All heavy atoms as atom14 arrays in JSON, in Angstrom:
{
  "sequence": "VPSDANFVLFGRFADASAAWKALLAHDVLVRDVGIPGWLRVTAGTPAE",
  "atom14_mask": [
    [1, 1, 1, 1, 1, 1, 1, 0, 0, 0, 0, 0, 0, 0],
    [1, 1, 1, 1, 1, 1, 1, 0, 0, 0, 0, 0, 0, 0],
    [1, 1, 1, 1, 1, 1, 0, 0, 0, 0, 0, 0, 0, 0],
    [1, 1, 1, 1, 1, 1, 1, 1, 0, 0, 0, 0, 0, 0],
    [1, 1, 1, 1, 1, 0, 0, 0, 0, 0, 0, 0, 0, 0],
    [1, 1, 1, 1, 1, 1, 1, 1, 0, 0, 0, 0, 0, 0],
    [1, 1, 1, 1, 1, 1, 1, 1, 1, 1, 1, 0, 0, 0],
    [1, 1, 1, 1, 1, 1, 1, 0, 0, 0, 0, 0, 0, 0],
    [1, 1, 1, 1, 1, 1, 1, 1, 0, 0, 0, 0, 0, 0],
    [1, 1, 1, 1, 1, 1, 1, 1, 1, 1, 1, 0, 0, 0],
    [1, 1, 1, 1, 0, 0, 0, 0, 0, 0, 0, 0, 0, 0],
    [1, 1, 1, 1, 1, 1, 1, 1, 1, 1, 1, 0, 0, 0],
    [1, 1, 1, 1, 1, 1, 1, 1, 1, 1, 1, 0, 0, 0],
    [1, 1, 1, 1, 1, 0, 0, 0, 0, 0, 0, 0, 0, 0],
    [1, 1, 1, 1, 1, 1, 1, 1, 0, 0, 0, 0, 0, 0],
    [1, 1, 1, 1, 1, 0, 0, 0, 0, 0, 0, 0, 0, 0],
    [1, 1, 1, 1, 1, 1, 0, 0, 0, 0, 0, 0, 0, 0],
    [1, 1, 1, 1, 1, 0, 0, 0, 0, 0, 0, 0, 0, 0],
    [1, 1, 1, 1, 1, 0, 0, 0, 0, 0, 0, 0, 0, 0],
    [1, 1, 1, 1, 1, 1, 1, 1, 1, 1, 1, 1, 1, 1],
    [1, 1, 1, 1, 1, 1, 1, 1, 1, 0, 0, 0, 0, 0],
    [1, 1, 1, 1, 1, 0, 0, 0, 0, 0, 0, 0, 0, 0],
    [1, 1, 1, 1, 1, 1, 1, 1, 0, 0, 0, 0, 0, 0],
    [1, 1, 1, 1, 1, 1, 1, 1, 0, 0, 0, 0, 0, 0],
    [1, 1, 1, 1, 1, 0, 0, 0, 0, 0, 0, 0, 0, 0],
    [1, 1, 1, 1, 1, 1, 1, 1, 1, 1, 0, 0, 0, 0],
    [1, 1, 1, 1, 1, 1, 1, 1, 0, 0, 0, 0, 0, 0],
    [1, 1, 1, 1, 1, 1, 1, 0, 0, 0, 0, 0, 0, 0],
    [1, 1, 1, 1, 1, 1, 1, 1, 0, 0, 0, 0, 0, 0],
    [1, 1, 1, 1, 1, 1, 1, 0, 0, 0, 0, 0, 0, 0],
    [1, 1, 1, 1, 1, 1, 1, 1, 1, 1, 1, 0, 0, 0],
    [1, 1, 1, 1, 1, 1, 1, 1, 0, 0, 0, 0, 0, 0],
    [1, 1, 1, 1, 1, 1, 1, 0, 0, 0, 0, 0, 0, 0],
    [1, 1, 1, 1, 0, 0, 0, 0, 0, 0, 0, 0, 0, 0],
    [1, 1, 1, 1, 1, 1, 1, 1, 0, 0, 0, 0, 0, 0],
    [1, 1, 1, 1, 1, 1, 1, 0, 0, 0, 0, 0, 0, 0],
    [1, 1, 1, 1, 0, 0, 0, 0, 0, 0, 0, 0, 0, 0],
    [1, 1, 1, 1, 1, 1, 1, 1, 1, 1, 1, 1, 1, 1],
    [1, 1, 1, 1, 1, 1, 1, 1, 0, 0, 0, 0, 0, 0],
    [1, 1, 1, 1, 1, 1, 1, 1, 1, 1, 1, 0, 0, 0],
    [1, 1, 1, 1, 1, 1, 1, 0, 0, 0, 0, 0, 0, 0],
    [1, 1, 1, 1, 1, 1, 1, 0, 0, 0, 0, 0, 0, 0],
    [1, 1, 1, 1, 1, 0, 0, 0, 0, 0, 0, 0, 0, 0],
    [1, 1, 1, 1, 0, 0, 0, 0, 0, 0, 0, 0, 0, 0],
    [1, 1, 1, 1, 1, 1, 1, 0, 0, 0, 0, 0, 0, 0],
    [1, 1, 1, 1, 1, 1, 1, 0, 0, 0, 0, 0, 0, 0],
    [1, 1, 1, 1, 1, 0, 0, 0, 0, 0, 0, 0, 0, 0],
    [1, 1, 1, 1, 1, 1, 1, 1, 1, 0, 0, 0, 0, 0]
  ],
  "atom14_positions": [
    [[0.33, 103.26, 9.28], [0.04, 104.72, 8.92], [0.15, 104.66, 7.34], [1.05, 104.07, 6.69], [1.13, 105.59, 9.45], [0.86, 107.08, 8.97], [1.02, 105.58, 10.95], [0.0, 0.0, 0.0], [0.0, 0.0, 0.0], [0.0, 0.0, 0.0], [0.0, 0.0, 0.0], [0.0, 0.0, 0.0], [0.0, 0.0, 0.0], [0.0, 0.0, 0.0]],
    [[-0.81, 105.35, 6.63], [-0.74, 105.36, 5.08], [0.6, 105.95, 4.68], [1.13, 106.94, 5.29], [-1.9, 106.34, 4.76], [-2.8, 106.19, 5.92], [-1.97, 105.99, 7.15], [0.0, 0.0, 0.0], [0.0, 0.0, 0.0], [0.0, 0.0, 0.0], [0.0, 0.0, 0.0], [0.0, 0.0, 0.0], [0.0, 0.0, 0.0], [0.0, 0.0, 0.0]],
    [[1.24, 105.27, 3.78], [2.72, 105.66, 3.4], [2.83, 106.13, 1.98], [2.26, 105.56, 1.02], [3.54, 104.37, 3.62], [4.97, 104.71, 3.37], [0.0, 0.0, 0.0], [0.0, 0.0, 0.0], [0.0, 0.0, 0.0], [0.0, 0.0, 0.0], [0.0, 0.0, 0.0], [0.0, 0.0, 0.0], [0.0, 0.0, 0.0], [0.0, 0.0, 0.0]],
    [[3.55, 107.28, 1.84], [4.01, 107.69, 0.54], [5.45, 107.54, 0.38], [6.1, 108.23, -0.53], [3.68, 109.16, 0.39], [2.16, 109.49, 0.24], [1.73, 109.12, -0.78], [1.46, 110.03, 1.15], [0.0, 0.0, 0.0], [0.0, 0.0, 0.0], [0.0, 0.0, 0.0], [0.0, 0.0, 0.0], [0.0, 0.0, 0.0], [0.0, 0.0, 0.0]],
    [[6.12, 106.69, 1.31], [7.56, 106.57, 1.26], [7.91, 105.17, 0.86], [7.02, 104.32, 0.57], [8.06, 106.9, 2.63], [0.0, 0.0, 0.0], [0.0, 0.0, 0.0], [0.0, 0.0, 0.0], [0.0, 0.0, 0.0], [0.0, 0.0, 0.0], [0.0, 0.0, 0.0], [0.0, 0.0, 0.0], [0.0, 0.0, 0.0], [0.0, 0.0, 0.0]],
    [[9.03, 104.7, 1.16], [9.5, 103.27, 0.86], [9.65, 102.62, 2.23], [10.46, 101.52, 2.37], [10.86, 103.32, 0.13], [11.93, 103.71, 0.99], [11.79, 104.6, 1.93], [13.19, 103.32, 0.55], [0.0, 0.0, 0.0], [0.0, 0.0, 0.0], [0.0, 0.0, 0.0], [0.0, 0.0, 0.0], [0.0, 0.0, 0.0], [0.0, 0.0, 0.0]],
    [[8.79, 102.97, 3.18], [8.74, 102.25, 4.39], [7.4, 102.25, 5.08], [6.54, 103.01, 4.44], [9.74, 102.8, 5.41], [9.59, 104.34, 5.62], [8.69, 104.75, 6.45], [10.31, 105.29, 4.87], [8.4, 106.23, 6.66], [10.12, 106.61, 5.1], [9.26, 107.06, 6.01], [0.0, 0.0, 0.0], [0.0, 0.0, 0.0], [0.0, 0.0, 0.0]],
    [[7.14, 101.54, 6.02], [5.87, 101.56, 6.8], [6.07, 101.59, 8.22], [6.82, 100.88, 8.89], [5.09, 100.16, 6.38], [3.81, 100.02, 7.23], [4.89, 100.15, 4.95], [0.0, 0.0, 0.0], [0.0, 0.0, 0.0], [0.0, 0.0, 0.0], [0.0, 0.0, 0.0], [0.0, 0.0, 0.0], [0.0, 0.0, 0.0], [0.0, 0.0, 0.0]],
    [[5.29, 102.54, 8.81], [5.18, 102.63, 10.34], [4.13, 101.68, 10.81], [2.99, 101.83, 10.34], [5.06, 104.03, 10.76], [5.17, 104.19, 12.37], [6.58, 104.11, 12.73], [4.53, 105.44, 12.81], [0.0, 0.0, 0.0], [0.0, 0.0, 0.0], [0.0, 0.0, 0.0], [0.0, 0.0, 0.0], [0.0, 0.0, 0.0], [0.0, 0.0, 0.0]],
    [[4.42, 100.69, 11.63], [3.34, 99.71, 11.87], [3.33, 99.28, 13.38], [4.33, 99.59, 14.18], [3.64, 98.37, 11.16], [4.84, 97.67, 11.45], [4.82, 96.49, 12.29], [6.03, 98.14, 11.04], [6.03, 95.84, 12.63], [7.27, 97.34, 11.28], [7.22, 96.22, 12.15], [0.0, 0.0, 0.0], [0.0, 0.0, 0.0], [0.0, 0.0, 0.0]],
    [[2.15, 98.97, 13.82], [1.91, 98.8, 15.34], [0.5, 98.06, 15.41], [0.01, 97.69, 14.5], [0.0, 0.0, 0.0], [0.0, 0.0, 0.0], [0.0, 0.0, 0.0], [0.0, 0.0, 0.0], [0.0, 0.0, 0.0], [0.0, 0.0, 0.0], [0.0, 0.0, 0.0], [0.0, 0.0, 0.0], [0.0, 0.0, 0.0], [0.0, 0.0, 0.0]],
    [[-0.05, 98.21, 16.51], [0.46, 98.71, 17.87], [0.92, 97.58, 18.63], [0.34, 96.55, 18.64], [-0.6, 99.44, 18.65], [-1.16, 100.75, 17.81], [-2.1, 101.42, 18.69], [-2.57, 102.72, 18.1], [-2.2, 103.86, 18.34], [-1.43, 104.12, 19.38], [-2.59, 104.93, 17.76], [0.0, 0.0, 0.0], [0.0, 0.0, 0.0], [0.0, 0.0, 0.0]],
    [[2.06, 97.82, 19.35], [2.64, 96.71, 20.13], [2.59, 97.16, 21.72], [2.66, 98.37, 22.04], [4.06, 96.54, 19.8], [4.27, 95.96, 18.39], [4.72, 96.89, 17.41], [4.06, 94.65, 18.08], [4.91, 96.38, 16.19], [4.32, 94.07, 16.86], [4.69, 95.04, 15.86], [0.0, 0.0, 0.0], [0.0, 0.0, 0.0], [0.0, 0.0, 0.0]],
    [[2.47, 96.21, 22.53], [2.46, 96.58, 23.85], [3.8, 97.02, 24.32], [3.99, 97.99, 25.09], [2.1, 95.28, 24.75], [0.0, 0.0, 0.0], [0.0, 0.0, 0.0], [0.0, 0.0, 0.0], [0.0, 0.0, 0.0], [0.0, 0.0, 0.0], [0.0, 0.0, 0.0], [0.0, 0.0, 0.0], [0.0, 0.0, 0.0], [0.0, 0.0, 0.0]],
    [[4.82, 96.52, 23.65], [6.19, 96.94, 23.95], [7.02, 96.89, 22.66], [7.4, 95.74, 22.23], [6.86, 96.05, 25.09], [8.31, 96.54, 25.42], [8.93, 97.3, 24.65], [8.81, 96.1, 26.51], [0.0, 0.0, 0.0], [0.0, 0.0, 0.0], [0.0, 0.0, 0.0], [0.0, 0.0, 0.0], [0.0, 0.0, 0.0], [0.0, 0.0, 0.0]],
    [[7.18, 98.12, 21.93], [7.83, 98.02, 20.63], [9.16, 97.42, 20.83], [9.7, 96.82, 19.84], [7.85, 99.48, 20.06], [0.0, 0.0, 0.0], [0.0, 0.0, 0.0], [0.0, 0.0, 0.0], [0.0, 0.0, 0.0], [0.0, 0.0, 0.0], [0.0, 0.0, 0.0], [0.0, 0.0, 0.0], [0.0, 0.0, 0.0], [0.0, 0.0, 0.0]],
    [[9.91, 97.79, 21.74], [11.41, 97.31, 21.89], [11.35, 95.76, 21.95], [12.25, 95.27, 21.43], [11.98, 97.97, 23.24], [13.26, 97.42, 23.35], [0.0, 0.0, 0.0], [0.0, 0.0, 0.0], [0.0, 0.0, 0.0], [0.0, 0.0, 0.0], [0.0, 0.0, 0.0], [0.0, 0.0, 0.0], [0.0, 0.0, 0.0], [0.0, 0.0, 0.0]],
    [[10.38, 95.28, 22.74], [10.45, 93.86, 22.82], [10.05, 93.19, 21.51], [10.59, 92.06, 21.09], [9.41, 93.36, 23.9], [0.0, 0.0, 0.0], [0.0, 0.0, 0.0], [0.0, 0.0, 0.0], [0.0, 0.0, 0.0], [0.0, 0.0, 0.0], [0.0, 0.0, 0.0], [0.0, 0.0, 0.0], [0.0, 0.0, 0.0], [0.0, 0.0, 0.0]],
    [[9.11, 93.76, 20.73], [8.79, 93.31, 19.39], [9.99, 93.39, 18.6], [10.15, 92.5, 17.67], [7.65, 94.04, 18.95], [0.0, 0.0, 0.0], [0.0, 0.0, 0.0], [0.0, 0.0, 0.0], [0.0, 0.0, 0.0], [0.0, 0.0, 0.0], [0.0, 0.0, 0.0], [0.0, 0.0, 0.0], [0.0, 0.0, 0.0], [0.0, 0.0, 0.0]],
    [[10.66, 94.41, 18.65], [11.94, 94.75, 17.79], [12.95, 93.48, 17.97], [13.47, 92.95, 17.13], [12.55, 95.97, 18.05], [13.77, 96.29, 17.29], [13.88, 96.87, 16.06], [15.08, 96.02, 17.82], [15.2, 96.99, 15.64], [15.97, 96.48, 16.68], [15.63, 95.52, 18.85], [17.41, 96.44, 16.84], [17.06, 95.46, 18.96], [17.94, 95.83, 17.99]],
    [[13.11, 93.15, 19.24], [14.09, 92.1, 19.68], [13.64, 90.88, 19.14], [14.41, 89.91, 18.7], [14.26, 92.1, 21.16], [15.03, 93.34, 21.66], [15.13, 93.35, 23.28], [15.77, 94.57, 23.73], [15.92, 94.7, 25.25], [0.0, 0.0, 0.0], [0.0, 0.0, 0.0], [0.0, 0.0, 0.0], [0.0, 0.0, 0.0], [0.0, 0.0, 0.0]],
    [[12.35, 90.59, 19.1], [11.7, 89.35, 18.73], [11.81, 89.16, 17.31], [12.17, 88.02, 16.73], [10.28, 89.18, 19.15], [0.0, 0.0, 0.0], [0.0, 0.0, 0.0], [0.0, 0.0, 0.0], [0.0, 0.0, 0.0], [0.0, 0.0, 0.0], [0.0, 0.0, 0.0], [0.0, 0.0, 0.0], [0.0, 0.0, 0.0], [0.0, 0.0, 0.0]],
    [[11.68, 90.21, 16.4], [11.88, 90.23, 15.01], [13.46, 89.88, 14.64], [13.76, 89.16, 13.84], [11.44, 91.43, 14.44], [9.97, 91.66, 14.3], [9.55, 93.02, 13.81], [9.35, 90.6, 13.35], [0.0, 0.0, 0.0], [0.0, 0.0, 0.0], [0.0, 0.0, 0.0], [0.0, 0.0, 0.0], [0.0, 0.0, 0.0], [0.0, 0.0, 0.0]],
    [[14.32, 90.51, 15.59], [15.65, 90.43, 15.31], [16.1, 88.9, 15.59], [16.98, 88.39, 14.86], [16.51, 91.26, 16.31], [17.94, 91.26, 16.13], [18.42, 91.7, 14.75], [18.57, 92.17, 17.19], [0.0, 0.0, 0.0], [0.0, 0.0, 0.0], [0.0, 0.0, 0.0], [0.0, 0.0, 0.0], [0.0, 0.0, 0.0], [0.0, 0.0, 0.0]],
    [[15.44, 88.29, 16.58], [15.69, 86.85, 16.71], [15.25, 86.01, 15.64], [15.8, 84.88, 15.44], [14.92, 86.46, 18.0], [0.0, 0.0, 0.0], [0.0, 0.0, 0.0], [0.0, 0.0, 0.0], [0.0, 0.0, 0.0], [0.0, 0.0, 0.0], [0.0, 0.0, 0.0], [0.0, 0.0, 0.0], [0.0, 0.0, 0.0], [0.0, 0.0, 0.0]],
    [[14.39, 86.57, 14.77], [13.99, 85.8, 13.44], [14.85, 86.36, 12.3], [14.47, 86.09, 11.13], [12.57, 86.05, 13.25], [11.63, 85.24, 14.21], [11.34, 85.57, 15.38], [10.96, 84.18, 13.84], [10.47, 84.8, 15.88], [10.27, 83.8, 14.9], [0.0, 0.0, 0.0], [0.0, 0.0, 0.0], [0.0, 0.0, 0.0], [0.0, 0.0, 0.0]],
    [[15.92, 87.01, 12.62], [16.91, 87.38, 11.54], [16.38, 88.53, 10.69], [16.75, 88.66, 9.51], [17.45, 86.16, 10.7], [18.86, 86.32, 10.23], [19.62, 87.13, 10.82], [19.18, 85.75, 9.19], [0.0, 0.0, 0.0], [0.0, 0.0, 0.0], [0.0, 0.0, 0.0], [0.0, 0.0, 0.0], [0.0, 0.0, 0.0], [0.0, 0.0, 0.0]],
    [[15.52, 89.35, 11.32], [14.95, 90.5, 10.6], [15.21, 91.74, 11.32], [14.72, 91.75, 12.56], [13.38, 90.28, 10.36], [12.7, 91.57, 9.6], [13.14, 89.1, 9.37], [0.0, 0.0, 0.0], [0.0, 0.0, 0.0], [0.0, 0.0, 0.0], [0.0, 0.0, 0.0], [0.0, 0.0, 0.0], [0.0, 0.0, 0.0], [0.0, 0.0, 0.0]],
    [[15.88, 92.57, 10.75], [16.18, 94.0, 11.53], [15.31, 95.15, 11.04], [15.38, 95.47, 9.84], [17.65, 94.35, 11.24], [18.12, 95.63, 11.88], [17.97, 95.57, 13.39], [19.63, 95.85, 11.5], [0.0, 0.0, 0.0], [0.0, 0.0, 0.0], [0.0, 0.0, 0.0], [0.0, 0.0, 0.0], [0.0, 0.0, 0.0], [0.0, 0.0, 0.0]],
    [[14.47, 95.61, 11.81], [13.58, 96.85, 11.52], [14.0, 97.84, 12.31], [15.07, 97.75, 13.07], [12.1, 96.42, 11.65], [11.68, 95.31, 10.78], [11.79, 96.15, 13.15], [0.0, 0.0, 0.0], [0.0, 0.0, 0.0], [0.0, 0.0, 0.0], [0.0, 0.0, 0.0], [0.0, 0.0, 0.0], [0.0, 0.0, 0.0], [0.0, 0.0, 0.0]],
    [[13.36, 98.96, 12.4], [13.81, 100.26, 13.09], [12.83, 100.5, 14.25], [11.57, 100.64, 14.05], [13.86, 101.42, 12.19], [14.48, 102.69, 12.88], [16.03, 102.47, 12.98], [16.64, 103.75, 13.49], [17.17, 104.64, 12.64], [17.15, 104.44, 11.3], [17.74, 105.87, 12.98], [0.0, 0.0, 0.0], [0.0, 0.0, 0.0], [0.0, 0.0, 0.0]],
    [[13.38, 100.65, 15.49], [12.65, 101.09, 16.61], [12.9, 102.68, 16.6], [14.01, 103.12, 16.99], [13.21, 100.48, 17.9], [12.39, 100.98, 19.1], [11.57, 101.92, 19.0], [12.66, 100.32, 20.16], [0.0, 0.0, 0.0], [0.0, 0.0, 0.0], [0.0, 0.0, 0.0], [0.0, 0.0, 0.0], [0.0, 0.0, 0.0], [0.0, 0.0, 0.0]],
    [[11.85, 103.45, 16.22], [12.1, 104.94, 16.12], [11.69, 105.61, 17.29], [11.72, 106.93, 17.25], [11.17, 105.33, 14.85], [11.78, 104.72, 13.62], [9.69, 105.02, 14.93], [0.0, 0.0, 0.0], [0.0, 0.0, 0.0], [0.0, 0.0, 0.0], [0.0, 0.0, 0.0], [0.0, 0.0, 0.0], [0.0, 0.0, 0.0], [0.0, 0.0, 0.0]],
    [[11.47, 104.99, 18.41], [11.25, 105.57, 19.68], [9.84, 106.06, 19.92], [9.57, 106.76, 20.85], [0.0, 0.0, 0.0], [0.0, 0.0, 0.0], [0.0, 0.0, 0.0], [0.0, 0.0, 0.0], [0.0, 0.0, 0.0], [0.0, 0.0, 0.0], [0.0, 0.0, 0.0], [0.0, 0.0, 0.0], [0.0, 0.0, 0.0], [0.0, 0.0, 0.0]],
    [[8.88, 105.73, 19.04], [7.39, 106.0, 19.2], [6.83, 104.82, 19.93], [6.74, 103.75, 19.33], [6.77, 106.34, 17.81], [7.41, 107.35, 17.03], [5.31, 106.7, 18.06], [6.9, 107.55, 15.62], [0.0, 0.0, 0.0], [0.0, 0.0, 0.0], [0.0, 0.0, 0.0], [0.0, 0.0, 0.0], [0.0, 0.0, 0.0], [0.0, 0.0, 0.0]],
    [[6.32, 105.08, 21.08], [5.72, 103.93, 21.79], [4.72, 103.14, 21.13], [3.84, 103.74, 20.57], [5.09, 104.61, 23.06], [5.92, 105.84, 23.27], [6.34, 106.25, 21.93], [0.0, 0.0, 0.0], [0.0, 0.0, 0.0], [0.0, 0.0, 0.0], [0.0, 0.0, 0.0], [0.0, 0.0, 0.0], [0.0, 0.0, 0.0], [0.0, 0.0, 0.0]],
    [[5.01, 101.81, 20.94], [3.93, 101.09, 20.36], [4.14, 100.81, 18.86], [3.36, 100.02, 18.18], [0.0, 0.0, 0.0], [0.0, 0.0, 0.0], [0.0, 0.0, 0.0], [0.0, 0.0, 0.0], [0.0, 0.0, 0.0], [0.0, 0.0, 0.0], [0.0, 0.0, 0.0], [0.0, 0.0, 0.0], [0.0, 0.0, 0.0], [0.0, 0.0, 0.0]],
    [[5.12, 101.53, 18.23], [5.27, 101.41, 16.76], [6.74, 101.13, 16.39], [7.75, 101.39, 17.01], [5.0, 102.84, 16.16], [3.58, 103.26, 16.4], [3.06, 103.91, 17.47], [2.56, 103.13, 15.54], [1.75, 104.14, 17.32], [1.32, 103.68, 16.09], [2.27, 102.47, 14.33], [0.02, 103.62, 15.47], [1.0, 102.42, 13.59], [-0.06, 103.04, 14.23]],
    [[6.89, 100.46, 15.24], [8.11, 100.18, 14.61], [8.05, 100.56, 13.14], [6.92, 100.66, 12.57], [8.41, 98.66, 14.72], [8.65, 98.11, 16.1], [8.74, 96.5, 16.0], [9.84, 98.63, 16.76], [0.0, 0.0, 0.0], [0.0, 0.0, 0.0], [0.0, 0.0, 0.0], [0.0, 0.0, 0.0], [0.0, 0.0, 0.0], [0.0, 0.0, 0.0]],
    [[9.15, 100.61, 12.54], [9.21, 101.02, 11.13], [9.99, 99.95, 10.3], [10.92, 99.51, 10.75], [9.92, 102.4, 10.9], [9.74, 102.98, 9.56], [10.78, 104.09, 9.33], [12.16, 103.68, 9.27], [13.18, 104.48, 9.33], [13.19, 105.74, 9.59], [14.4, 103.92, 9.24], [0.0, 0.0, 0.0], [0.0, 0.0, 0.0], [0.0, 0.0, 0.0]],
    [[9.56, 99.58, 9.14], [10.14, 98.57, 8.23], [10.3, 99.15, 6.93], [9.46, 99.84, 6.33], [9.29, 97.24, 8.21], [7.9, 97.5, 7.65], [10.15, 96.1, 7.34], [0.0, 0.0, 0.0], [0.0, 0.0, 0.0], [0.0, 0.0, 0.0], [0.0, 0.0, 0.0], [0.0, 0.0, 0.0], [0.0, 0.0, 0.0], [0.0, 0.0, 0.0]],
    [[11.43, 99.01, 6.26], [11.8, 99.32, 4.86], [11.12, 98.31, 3.95], [11.24, 97.16, 4.18], [13.27, 99.47, 4.71], [13.85, 100.3, 5.61], [13.54, 99.89, 3.19], [0.0, 0.0, 0.0], [0.0, 0.0, 0.0], [0.0, 0.0, 0.0], [0.0, 0.0, 0.0], [0.0, 0.0, 0.0], [0.0, 0.0, 0.0], [0.0, 0.0, 0.0]],
    [[10.56, 98.94, 2.89], [10.13, 97.94, 1.8], [11.23, 97.43, 1.05], [12.04, 98.11, 0.36], [9.1, 98.69, 0.87], [0.0, 0.0, 0.0], [0.0, 0.0, 0.0], [0.0, 0.0, 0.0], [0.0, 0.0, 0.0], [0.0, 0.0, 0.0], [0.0, 0.0, 0.0], [0.0, 0.0, 0.0], [0.0, 0.0, 0.0], [0.0, 0.0, 0.0]],
    [[11.41, 96.12, 1.06], [12.7, 95.5, 0.44], [12.27, 94.72, -0.78], [11.28, 95.16, -1.59], [0.0, 0.0, 0.0], [0.0, 0.0, 0.0], [0.0, 0.0, 0.0], [0.0, 0.0, 0.0], [0.0, 0.0, 0.0], [0.0, 0.0, 0.0], [0.0, 0.0, 0.0], [0.0, 0.0, 0.0], [0.0, 0.0, 0.0], [0.0, 0.0, 0.0]],
    [[12.97, 93.73, -1.07], [12.74, 92.86, -2.21], [11.52, 91.93, -1.93], [11.18, 91.82, -0.63], [13.96, 92.03, -2.64], [14.09, 91.12, -1.34], [15.17, 92.82, -2.93], [0.0, 0.0, 0.0], [0.0, 0.0, 0.0], [0.0, 0.0, 0.0], [0.0, 0.0, 0.0], [0.0, 0.0, 0.0], [0.0, 0.0, 0.0], [0.0, 0.0, 0.0]],
    [[10.99, 91.26, -2.95], [9.88, 90.32, -2.53], [10.39, 89.23, -1.43], [9.57, 88.9, -0.59], [9.54, 89.66, -3.89], [9.88, 90.71, -4.83], [11.08, 91.39, -4.34], [0.0, 0.0, 0.0], [0.0, 0.0, 0.0], [0.0, 0.0, 0.0], [0.0, 0.0, 0.0], [0.0, 0.0, 0.0], [0.0, 0.0, 0.0], [0.0, 0.0, 0.0]],
    [[11.55, 88.69, -1.54], [12.08, 87.8, -0.61], [12.1, 88.39, 0.68], [11.86, 87.71, 1.76], [13.36, 87.3, -1.15], [0.0, 0.0, 0.0], [0.0, 0.0, 0.0], [0.0, 0.0, 0.0], [0.0, 0.0, 0.0], [0.0, 0.0, 0.0], [0.0, 0.0, 0.0], [0.0, 0.0, 0.0], [0.0, 0.0, 0.0], [0.0, 0.0, 0.0]],
    [[12.62, 89.65, 0.83], [12.74, 90.27, 2.1], [11.35, 90.5, 2.73], [11.21, 90.3, 3.97], [13.52, 91.53, 1.97], [15.01, 91.35, 1.76], [15.75, 92.67, 1.45], [15.14, 93.56, 0.78], [16.98, 92.71, 1.71], [0.0, 0.0, 0.0], [0.0, 0.0, 0.0], [0.0, 0.0, 0.0], [0.0, 0.0, 0.0], [0.0, 0.0, 0.0]]
  ]
}
């Protein structure tokens, strides 16, 4: 979704919760905001 904030809502996933867990397994924590198919990530440092 076009963003004017310091985060991005991104998708679409078949199962957002499963995608969230898969990212966590890669040591990356994003936000499952409860919208089917979508996750939210904060814009961090270049390394992040």
